[in-house]
Amino acid sequence: MNLKGTKFQLKVWNYLKKIPKGEVRTYLQVSKAIRKPKAFRAVANAIGKNPCAPKIPCHRVIKSDGSIGGYSGKGGIKKKLRLLRSEKVFI
């Protein structure tokens, strides 16, 4: 997969591929994992620009309060919920 994006976006998208099926992370957890702990909003923006959803599993990232957050992939939030439920994640 030859992705085009900023260095930051690529770092975020590569991390997303490491989130195991059936698990979720928050935007804050992702920002800390890529060593940019204050960049959780930038992480959300990078995730929103993911060109390969759900192949790059951005559906596995939720808000810190436990709510679903957004999903820019085809089908929107309903699709995100279906993908999470198919992985036995219930929010």
PDB file of N, CA and C in Angstrom:
ATOM      1  N   MET A   1       0.853  -1.171   0.000  1.00  0.00           N
ATOM      2  CA  MET A   1       0.000   0.000   0.000  1.00  0.00           C
ATOM      3  C   MET A   1       0.901   1.238   0.000  1.00  0.00           C
ATOM      4  N   ASN A   2       0.796   2.041  -1.023  1.00  0.00           N
ATOM      5  CA  ASN A   2       1.614   3.239  -1.145  1.00  0.00           C
ATOM      6  C   ASN A   2       0.766   4.454  -0.779  1.00  0.00           C
ATOM      7  N   LEU A   3       0.818   4.830   0.492  1.00  0.00           N
ATOM      8  CA  LEU A   3       0.010   5.941   0.978  1.00  0.00           C
ATOM      9  C   LEU A   3       0.687   7.273   0.728  1.00  0.00           C
ATOM     10  N   LYS A   4      -0.131   8.273   0.458  1.00  0.00           N
ATOM     11  CA  LYS A   4       0.371   9.629   0.325  1.00  0.00           C
ATOM     12  C   LYS A   4      -0.268  10.469   1.417  1.00  0.00           C
ATOM     13  N   GLY A   5       0.575  11.138   2.169  1.00  0.00           N
ATOM     14  CA  GLY A   5       0.109  12.006   3.236  1.00  0.00           C
ATOM     15  C   GLY A   5       1.312  12.683   3.855  1.00  0.00           C
ATOM     16  N   THR A   6       1.065  13.509   4.850  1.00  0.00           N
ATOM     17  CA  THR A   6       2.169  14.160   5.545  1.00  0.00           C
ATOM     18  C   THR A   6       2.895  13.129   6.402  1.00  0.00           C
ATOM     19  N   LYS A   7       4.067  13.489   6.844  1.00  0.00           N
ATOM     20  CA  LYS A   7       4.840  12.599   7.718  1.00  0.00           C
ATOM     21  C   LYS A   7       4.018  12.247   8.969  1.00  0.00           C
ATOM     22  N   PHE A   8       3.333  13.247   9.520  1.00  0.00           N
ATOM     23  CA  PHE A   8       2.502  13.038  10.701  1.00  0.00           C
ATOM     24  C   PHE A   8       1.343  12.085  10.388  1.00  0.00           C
ATOM     25  N   GLN A   9       0.643  12.322   9.286  1.00  0.00           N
ATOM     26  CA  GLN A   9      -0.472  11.444   8.917  1.00  0.00           C
ATOM     27  C   GLN A   9      -0.002  10.005   8.745  1.00  0.00           C
ATOM     28  N   LEU A  10       1.123   9.829   8.078  1.00  0.00           N
ATOM     29  CA  LEU A  10       1.648   8.476   7.864  1.00  0.00           C
ATOM     30  C   LEU A  10       1.981   7.797   9.182  1.00  0.00           C
ATOM     31  N   LYS A  11       2.510   8.571  10.118  1.00  0.00           N
ATOM     32  CA  LYS A  11       2.832   8.017  11.441  1.00  0.00           C
ATOM     33  C   LYS A  11       1.547   7.542  12.138  1.00  0.00           C
ATOM     34  N   VAL A  12       0.500   8.363  12.064  1.00  0.00           N
ATOM     35  CA  VAL A  12      -0.790   8.001  12.671  1.00  0.00           C
ATOM     36  C   VAL A  12      -1.362   6.757  11.988  1.00  0.00           C
ATOM     37  N   TRP A  13      -1.414   6.762  10.668  1.00  0.00           N
ATOM     38  CA  TRP A  13      -2.007   5.645   9.932  1.00  0.00           C
ATOM     39  C   TRP A  13      -1.241   4.353  10.166  1.00  0.00           C
ATOM     40  N   ASN A  14       0.067   4.425  10.245  1.00  0.00           N
ATOM     41  CA  ASN A  14       0.860   3.228  10.524  1.00  0.00           C
ATOM     42  C   ASN A  14       0.579   2.700  11.922  1.00  0.00           C
ATOM     43  N   TYR A  15       0.372   3.601  12.885  1.00  0.00           N
ATOM     44  CA  TYR A  15       0.020   3.144  14.227  1.00  0.00           C
ATOM     45  C   TYR A  15      -1.347   2.454  14.217  1.00  0.00           C
ATOM     46  N   LEU A  16      -2.301   3.001  13.484  1.00  0.00           N
ATOM     47  CA  LEU A  16      -3.646   2.417  13.448  1.00  0.00           C
ATOM     48  C   LEU A  16      -3.608   0.959  13.009  1.00  0.00           C
ATOM     49  N   LYS A  17      -2.699   0.632  12.098  1.00  0.00           N
ATOM     50  CA  LYS A  17      -2.595  -0.747  11.611  1.00  0.00           C
ATOM     51  C   LYS A  17      -2.139  -1.707  12.704  1.00  0.00           C
ATOM     52  N   LYS A  18      -1.596  -1.172  13.788  1.00  0.00           N
ATOM     53  CA  LYS A  18      -1.105  -2.015  14.894  1.00  0.00           C
ATOM     54  C   LYS A  18      -2.166  -2.276  15.961  1.00  0.00           C
ATOM     55  N   ILE A  19      -3.300  -1.586  15.887  1.00  0.00           N
ATOM     56  CA  ILE A  19      -4.359  -1.800  16.882  1.00  0.00           C
ATOM     57  C   ILE A  19      -5.013  -3.151  16.572  1.00  0.00           C
ATOM     58  N   PRO A  20      -4.956  -4.077  17.521  1.00  0.00           N
ATOM     59  CA  PRO A  20      -5.503  -5.420  17.257  1.00  0.00           C
ATOM     60  C   PRO A  20      -7.012  -5.410  17.027  1.00  0.00           C
ATOM     61  N   LYS A  21      -7.449  -6.307  16.198  1.00  0.00           N
ATOM     62  CA  LYS A  21      -8.881  -6.500  15.949  1.00  0.00           C
ATOM     63  C   LYS A  21      -9.569  -6.767  17.283  1.00  0.00           C
ATOM     64  N   GLY A  22     -10.693  -6.108  17.501  1.00  0.00           N
ATOM     65  CA  GLY A  22     -11.440  -6.303  18.732  1.00  0.00           C
ATOM     66  C   GLY A  22     -11.025  -5.380  19.861  1.00  0.00           C
ATOM     67  N   GLU A  23     -10.069  -4.481  19.598  1.00  0.00           N
ATOM     68  CA  GLU A  23      -9.633  -3.517  20.606  1.00  0.00           C
ATOM     69  C   GLU A  23      -9.815  -2.112  20.065  1.00  0.00           C
ATOM     70  N   VAL A  24      -9.944  -1.166  20.985  1.00  0.00           N
ATOM     71  CA  VAL A  24     -10.036   0.241  20.601  1.00  0.00           C
ATOM     72  C   VAL A  24      -8.990   1.051  21.354  1.00  0.00           C
ATOM     73  N   ARG A  25      -8.690   2.211  20.821  1.00  0.00           N
ATOM     74  CA  ARG A  25      -7.824   3.189  21.461  1.00  0.00           C
ATOM     75  C   ARG A  25      -8.529   4.538  21.375  1.00  0.00           C
ATOM     76  N   THR A  26      -8.142   5.445  22.246  1.00  0.00           N
ATOM     77  CA  THR A  26      -8.672   6.800  22.160  1.00  0.00           C
ATOM     78  C   THR A  26      -7.712   7.649  21.331  1.00  0.00           C
ATOM     79  N   TYR A  27      -8.204   8.795  20.902  1.00  0.00           N
ATOM     80  CA  TYR A  27      -7.348   9.725  20.165  1.00  0.00           C
ATOM     81  C   TYR A  27      -6.140  10.108  21.021  1.00  0.00           C
ATOM     82  N   LEU A  28      -6.363  10.291  22.311  1.00  0.00           N
ATOM     83  CA  LEU A  28      -5.268  10.631  23.226  1.00  0.00           C
ATOM     84  C   LEU A  28      -4.257   9.485  23.322  1.00  0.00           C
ATOM     85  N   GLN A  29      -4.733   8.256  23.427  1.00  0.00           N
ATOM     86  CA  GLN A  29      -3.819   7.109  23.480  1.00  0.00           C
ATOM     87  C   GLN A  29      -2.979   7.012  22.203  1.00  0.00           C
ATOM     88  N   VAL A  30      -3.592   7.293  21.066  1.00  0.00           N
ATOM     89  CA  VAL A  30      -2.853   7.259  19.808  1.00  0.00           C
ATOM     90  C   VAL A  30      -1.785   8.348  19.809  1.00  0.00           C
ATOM     91  N   SER A  31      -2.157   9.551  20.246  1.00  0.00           N
ATOM     92  CA  SER A  31      -1.180  10.654  20.261  1.00  0.00           C
ATOM     93  C   SER A  31      -0.005  10.334  21.177  1.00  0.00           C
ATOM     94  N   LYS A  32      -0.273   9.721  22.310  1.00  0.00           N
ATOM     95  CA  LYS A  32       0.818   9.338  23.212  1.00  0.00           C
ATOM     96  C   LYS A  32       1.677   8.232  22.600  1.00  0.00           C
ATOM     97  N   ALA A  33       1.035   7.286  21.927  1.00  0.00           N
ATOM     98  CA  ALA A  33       1.759   6.157  21.333  1.00  0.00           C
ATOM     99  C   ALA A  33       2.717   6.604  20.233  1.00  0.00           C
ATOM    100  N   ILE A  34       2.363   7.682  19.541  1.00  0.00           N
ATOM    101  CA  ILE A  34       3.259   8.177  18.482  1.00  0.00           C
ATOM    102  C   ILE A  34       4.168   9.291  19.011  1.00  0.00           C
ATOM    103  N   ARG A  35       4.204   9.425  20.326  1.00  0.00           N
ATOM    104  CA  ARG A  35       5.090  10.381  21.007  1.00  0.00           C
ATOM    105  C   ARG A  35       4.777  11.843  20.704  1.00  0.00           C
ATOM    106  N   LYS A  36       3.476  12.115  20.533  1.00  0.00           N
ATOM    107  CA  LYS A  36       2.983  13.482  20.364  1.00  0.00           C
ATOM    108  C   LYS A  36       1.795  13.662  21.307  1.00  0.00           C
ATOM    109  N   PRO A  37       2.051  13.619  22.640  1.00  0.00           N
ATOM    110  CA  PRO A  37       0.960  13.542  23.612  1.00  0.00           C
ATOM    111  C   PRO A  37      -0.036  14.697  23.602  1.00  0.00           C
ATOM    112  N   LYS A  38       0.351  15.833  23.085  1.00  0.00           N
ATOM    113  CA  LYS A  38      -0.579  16.972  23.048  1.00  0.00           C
ATOM    114  C   LYS A  38      -1.285  17.105  21.703  1.00  0.00           C
ATOM    115  N   ALA A  39      -1.006  16.198  20.798  1.00  0.00           N
ATOM    116  CA  ALA A  39      -1.514  16.316  19.428  1.00  0.00           C
ATOM    117  C   ALA A  39      -2.760  15.469  19.165  1.00  0.00           C
ATOM    118  N   PHE A  40      -3.575  15.242  20.183  1.00  0.00           N
ATOM    119  CA  PHE A  40      -4.732  14.366  19.992  1.00  0.00           C
ATOM    120  C   PHE A  40      -5.733  14.920  18.987  1.00  0.00           C
ATOM    121  N   ARG A  41      -5.851  16.249  18.900  1.00  0.00           N
ATOM    122  CA  ARG A  41      -6.756  16.819  17.883  1.00  0.00           C
ATOM    123  C   ARG A  41      -6.173  16.648  16.486  1.00  0.00           C
ATOM    124  N   ALA A  42      -4.869  16.802  16.364  1.00  0.00           N
ATOM    125  CA  ALA A  42      -4.213  16.575  15.073  1.00  0.00           C
ATOM    126  C   ALA A  42      -4.335  15.106  14.676  1.00  0.00           C
ATOM    127  N   VAL A  43      -4.279  14.218  15.668  1.00  0.00           N
ATOM    128  CA  VAL A  43      -4.483  12.788  15.407  1.00  0.00           C
ATOM    129  C   VAL A  43      -5.885  12.577  14.839  1.00  0.00           C
ATOM    130  N   ALA A  44      -6.880  13.211  15.445  1.00  0.00           N
ATOM    131  CA  ALA A  44      -8.258  13.077  14.960  1.00  0.00           C
ATOM    132  C   ALA A  44      -8.365  13.580  13.520  1.00  0.00           C
ATOM    133  N   ASN A  45      -7.702  14.680  13.218  1.00  0.00           N
ATOM    134  CA  ASN A  45      -7.730  15.211  11.849  1.00  0.00           C
ATOM    135  C   ASN A  45      -7.050  14.255  10.872  1.00  0.00           C
ATOM    136  N   ALA A  46      -5.915  13.687  11.271  1.00  0.00           N
ATOM    137  CA  ALA A  46      -5.209  12.732  10.410  1.00  0.00           C
ATOM    138  C   ALA A  46      -6.073  11.495  10.169  1.00  0.00           C
ATOM    139  N   ILE A  47      -6.734  11.035  11.212  1.00  0.00           N
ATOM    140  CA  ILE A  47      -7.608   9.865  11.081  1.00  0.00           C
ATOM    141  C   ILE A  47      -8.763  10.183  10.127  1.00  0.00           C
ATOM    142  N   GLY A  48      -9.276  11.400  10.222  1.00  0.00           N
ATOM    143  CA  GLY A  48     -10.363  11.815   9.338  1.00  0.00           C
ATOM    144  C   GLY A  48      -9.961  11.857   7.874  1.00  0.00           C
ATOM    145  N   LYS A  49      -8.668  11.909   7.612  1.00  0.00           N
ATOM    146  CA  LYS A  49      -8.170  11.939   6.234  1.00  0.00           C
ATOM    147  C   LYS A  49      -7.653  10.571   5.775  1.00  0.00           C
ATOM    148  N   ASN A  50      -7.892   9.552   6.561  1.00  0.00           N
ATOM    149  CA  ASN A  50      -7.465   8.195   6.219  1.00  0.00           C
ATOM    150  C   ASN A  50      -8.067   7.793   4.867  1.00  0.00           C
ATOM    151  N   PRO A  51      -7.233   7.573   3.855  1.00  0.00           N
ATOM    152  CA  PRO A  51      -7.755   7.246   2.522  1.00  0.00           C
ATOM    153  C   PRO A  51      -8.115   5.771   2.343  1.00  0.00           C
ATOM    154  N   CYS A  52      -7.832   4.955   3.327  1.00  0.00           N
ATOM    155  CA  CYS A  52      -8.010   3.509   3.168  1.00  0.00           C
ATOM    156  C   CYS A  52      -8.859   2.881   4.262  1.00  0.00           C
ATOM    157  N   ALA A  53      -9.869   3.584   4.724  1.00  0.00           N
ATOM    158  CA  ALA A  53     -10.766   3.009   5.729  1.00  0.00           C
ATOM    159  C   ALA A  53     -11.634   1.960   5.041  1.00  0.00           C
ATOM    160  N   PRO A  54     -11.890   0.830   5.630  1.00  0.00           N
ATOM    161  CA  PRO A  54     -11.434   0.329   6.915  1.00  0.00           C
ATOM    162  C   PRO A  54     -10.159  -0.510   6.852  1.00  0.00           C
ATOM    163  N   LYS A  55      -9.509  -0.548   5.702  1.00  0.00           N
ATOM    164  CA  LYS A  55      -8.263  -1.327   5.600  1.00  0.00           C
ATOM    165  C   LYS A  55      -7.243  -0.839   6.629  1.00  0.00           C
ATOM    166  N   ILE A  56      -7.126   0.471   6.759  1.00  0.00           N
ATOM    167  CA  ILE A  56      -6.399   1.053   7.890  1.00  0.00           C
ATOM    168  C   ILE A  56      -7.489   1.317   8.919  1.00  0.00           C
ATOM    169  N   PRO A  57      -7.500   0.565  10.009  1.00  0.00           N
ATOM    170  CA  PRO A  57      -8.663   0.492  10.901  1.00  0.00           C
ATOM    171  C   PRO A  57      -8.888   1.698  11.813  1.00  0.00           C
ATOM    172  N   CYS A  58      -9.232   2.825  11.195  1.00  0.00           N
ATOM    173  CA  CYS A  58      -9.507   4.023  11.988  1.00  0.00           C
ATOM    174  C   CYS A  58     -10.795   3.871  12.802  1.00  0.00           C
ATOM    175  N   HIS A  59     -11.612   2.889  12.463  1.00  0.00           N
ATOM    176  CA  HIS A  59     -12.838   2.656  13.229  1.00  0.00           C
ATOM    177  C   HIS A  59     -12.528   2.191  14.654  1.00  0.00           C
ATOM    178  N   ARG A  60     -11.291   1.814  14.915  1.00  0.00           N
ATOM    179  CA  ARG A  60     -10.899   1.341  16.246  1.00  0.00           C
ATOM    180  C   ARG A  60     -10.464   2.475  17.172  1.00  0.00           C
ATOM    181  N   VAL A  61     -10.690   3.710  16.768  1.00  0.00           N
ATOM    182  CA  VAL A  61     -10.322   4.862  17.600  1.00  0.00           C
ATOM    183  C   VAL A  61     -11.591   5.577  18.017  1.00  0.00           C
ATOM    184  N   ILE A  62     -11.705   5.787  19.339  1.00  0.00           N
ATOM    185  CA  ILE A  62     -12.892   6.426  19.913  1.00  0.00           C
ATOM    186  C   ILE A  62     -12.476   7.622  20.767  1.00  0.00           C
ATOM    187  N   LYS A  63     -13.464   8.346  21.242  1.00  0.00           N
ATOM    188  CA  LYS A  63     -13.202   9.507  22.094  1.00  0.00           C
ATOM    189  C   LYS A  63     -12.861   9.056  23.514  1.00  0.00           C
ATOM    190  N   SER A  64     -12.176   9.918  24.248  1.00  0.00           N
ATOM    191  CA  SER A  64     -11.757   9.593  25.626  1.00  0.00           C
ATOM    192  C   SER A  64     -12.926   9.356  26.570  1.00  0.00           C
ATOM    193  N   ASP A  65     -14.079   9.951  26.257  1.00  0.00           N
ATOM    194  CA  ASP A  65     -15.246   9.752  27.131  1.00  0.00           C
ATOM    195  C   ASP A  65     -15.971   8.434  26.827  1.00  0.00           C
ATOM    196  N   GLY A  66     -15.416   7.652  25.903  1.00  0.00           N
ATOM    197  CA  GLY A  66     -16.010   6.363  25.572  1.00  0.00           C
ATOM    198  C   GLY A  66     -17.031   6.418  24.450  1.00  0.00           C
ATOM    199  N   SER A  67     -17.337   7.610  23.961  1.00  0.00           N
ATOM    200  CA  SER A  67     -18.298   7.713  22.862  1.00  0.00           C
ATOM    201  C   SER A  67     -17.605   7.405  21.535  1.00  0.00           C
ATOM    202  N   ILE A  68     -18.396   7.193  20.533  1.00  0.00           N
ATOM    203  CA  ILE A  68     -17.933   6.642  19.266  1.00  0.00           C
ATOM    204  C   ILE A  68     -17.012   7.569  18.479  1.00  0.00           C
ATOM    205  N   GLY A  69     -17.219   8.855  18.531  1.00  0.00           N
ATOM    206  CA  GLY A  69     -16.437   9.774  17.703  1.00  0.00           C
ATOM    207  C   GLY A  69     -16.925   9.729  16.268  1.00  0.00           C
ATOM    208  N   GLY A  70     -16.135  10.216  15.351  1.00  0.00           N
ATOM    209  CA  GLY A  70     -16.542  10.265  13.952  1.00  0.00           C
ATOM    210  C   GLY A  70     -15.999   9.112  13.146  1.00  0.00           C
ATOM    211  N   TYR A  71     -16.437   9.071  11.888  1.00  0.00           N
ATOM    212  CA  TYR A  71     -15.922   8.080  10.943  1.00  0.00           C
ATOM    213  C   TYR A  71     -16.077   8.665   9.553  1.00  0.00           C
ATOM    214  N   SER A  72     -14.959   8.894   8.897  1.00  0.00           N
ATOM    215  CA  SER A  72     -14.999   9.527   7.576  1.00  0.00           C
ATOM    216  C   SER A  72     -15.098   8.512   6.447  1.00  0.00           C
ATOM    217  N   GLY A  73     -15.027   7.244   6.786  1.00  0.00           N
ATOM    218  CA  GLY A  73     -15.156   6.212   5.766  1.00  0.00           C
ATOM    219  C   GLY A  73     -16.574   6.149   5.221  1.00  0.00           C
ATOM    220  N   LYS A  74     -16.723   5.465   4.111  1.00  0.00           N
ATOM    221  CA  LYS A  74     -18.040   5.321   3.477  1.00  0.00           C
ATOM    222  C   LYS A  74     -19.019   4.674   4.457  1.00  0.00           C
ATOM    223  N   GLY A  75     -20.171   5.280   4.625  1.00  0.00           N
ATOM    224  CA  GLY A  75     -21.185   4.751   5.528  1.00  0.00           C
ATOM    225  C   GLY A  75     -21.234   5.455   6.873  1.00  0.00           C
ATOM    226  N   GLY A  76     -20.248   6.306   7.140  1.00  0.00           N
ATOM    227  CA  GLY A  76     -20.256   7.123   8.352  1.00  0.00           C
ATOM    228  C   GLY A  76     -20.280   6.326   9.647  1.00  0.00           C
ATOM    229  N   ILE A  77     -20.871   6.930  10.658  1.00  0.00           N
ATOM    230  CA  ILE A  77     -20.881   6.353  12.011  1.00  0.00           C
ATOM    231  C   ILE A  77     -21.600   5.006  12.061  1.00  0.00           C
ATOM    232  N   LYS A  78     -22.648   4.843  11.263  1.00  0.00           N
ATOM    233  CA  LYS A  78     -23.351   3.555  11.245  1.00  0.00           C
ATOM    234  C   LYS A  78     -22.398   2.434  10.818  1.00  0.00           C
ATOM    235  N   LYS A  79     -21.571   2.725   9.826  1.00  0.00           N
ATOM    236  CA  LYS A  79     -20.588   1.739   9.362  1.00  0.00           C
ATOM    237  C   LYS A  79     -19.550   1.469  10.450  1.00  0.00           C
ATOM    238  N   LYS A  80     -19.112   2.536  11.145  1.00  0.00           N
ATOM    239  CA  LYS A  80     -18.140   2.379  12.227  1.00  0.00           C
ATOM    240  C   LYS A  80     -18.700   1.454  13.305  1.00  0.00           C
ATOM    241  N   LEU A  81     -19.941   1.665  13.681  1.00  0.00           N
ATOM    242  CA  LEU A  81     -20.570   0.803  14.685  1.00  0.00           C
ATOM    243  C   LEU A  81     -20.660  -0.640  14.201  1.00  0.00           C
ATOM    244  N   ARG A  82     -21.028  -0.841  12.947  1.00  0.00           N
ATOM    245  CA  ARG A  82     -21.099  -2.204  12.391  1.00  0.00           C
ATOM    246  C   ARG A  82     -19.735  -2.882  12.411  1.00  0.00           C
ATOM    247  N   LEU A  83     -18.692  -2.129  12.022  1.00  0.00           N
ATOM    248  CA  LEU A  83     -17.342  -2.699  12.024  1.00  0.00           C
ATOM    249  C   LEU A  83     -16.922  -3.084  13.434  1.00  0.00           C
ATOM    250  N   LEU A  84     -17.187  -2.208  14.409  1.00  0.00           N
ATOM    251  CA  LEU A  84     -16.802  -2.510  15.798  1.00  0.00           C
ATOM    252  C   LEU A  84     -17.591  -3.708  16.322  1.00  0.00           C
ATOM    253  N   ARG A  85     -18.878  -3.756  16.043  1.00  0.00           N
ATOM    254  CA  ARG A  85     -19.688  -4.888  16.503  1.00  0.00           C
ATOM    255  C   ARG A  85     -19.215  -6.188  15.864  1.00  0.00           C
ATOM    256  N   SER A  86     -18.793  -6.137  14.616  1.00  0.00           N
ATOM    257  CA  SER A  86     -18.309  -7.356  13.941  1.00  0.00           C
ATOM    258  C   SER A  86     -17.014  -7.860  14.594  1.00  0.00           C
ATOM    259  N   GLU A  87     -16.318  -6.953  15.311  1.00  0.00           N
ATOM    260  CA  GLU A  87     -15.102  -7.320  16.025  1.00  0.00           C
ATOM    261  C   GLU A  87     -15.383  -7.567  17.514  1.00  0.00           C
ATOM    262  N   LYS A  88     -16.652  -7.642  17.868  1.00  0.00           N
ATOM    263  CA  LYS A  88     -17.090  -7.891  19.254  1.00  0.00           C
ATOM    264  C   LYS A  88     -16.760  -6.739  20.203  1.00  0.00           C
ATOM    265  N   VAL A  89     -16.758  -5.513  19.678  1.00  0.00           N
ATOM    266  CA  VAL A  89     -16.579  -4.311  20.489  1.00  0.00           C
ATOM    267  C   VAL A  89     -17.922  -3.619  20.549  1.00  0.00           C
ATOM    268  N   PHE A  90     -18.423  -3.420  21.748  1.00  0.00           N
ATOM    269  CA  PHE A  90     -19.744  -2.794  21.916  1.00  0.00           C
ATOM    270  C   PHE A  90     -19.612  -1.497  22.696  1.00  0.00           C
ATOM    271  N   ILE A  91     -20.004  -0.407  22.061  1.00  0.00           N
ATOM    272  CA  ILE A  91     -19.909   0.915  22.675  1.00  0.00           C
ATOM    273  C   ILE A  91     -21.284   1.490  22.835  1.00  0.00           C
TER     274      ILE A  91
END
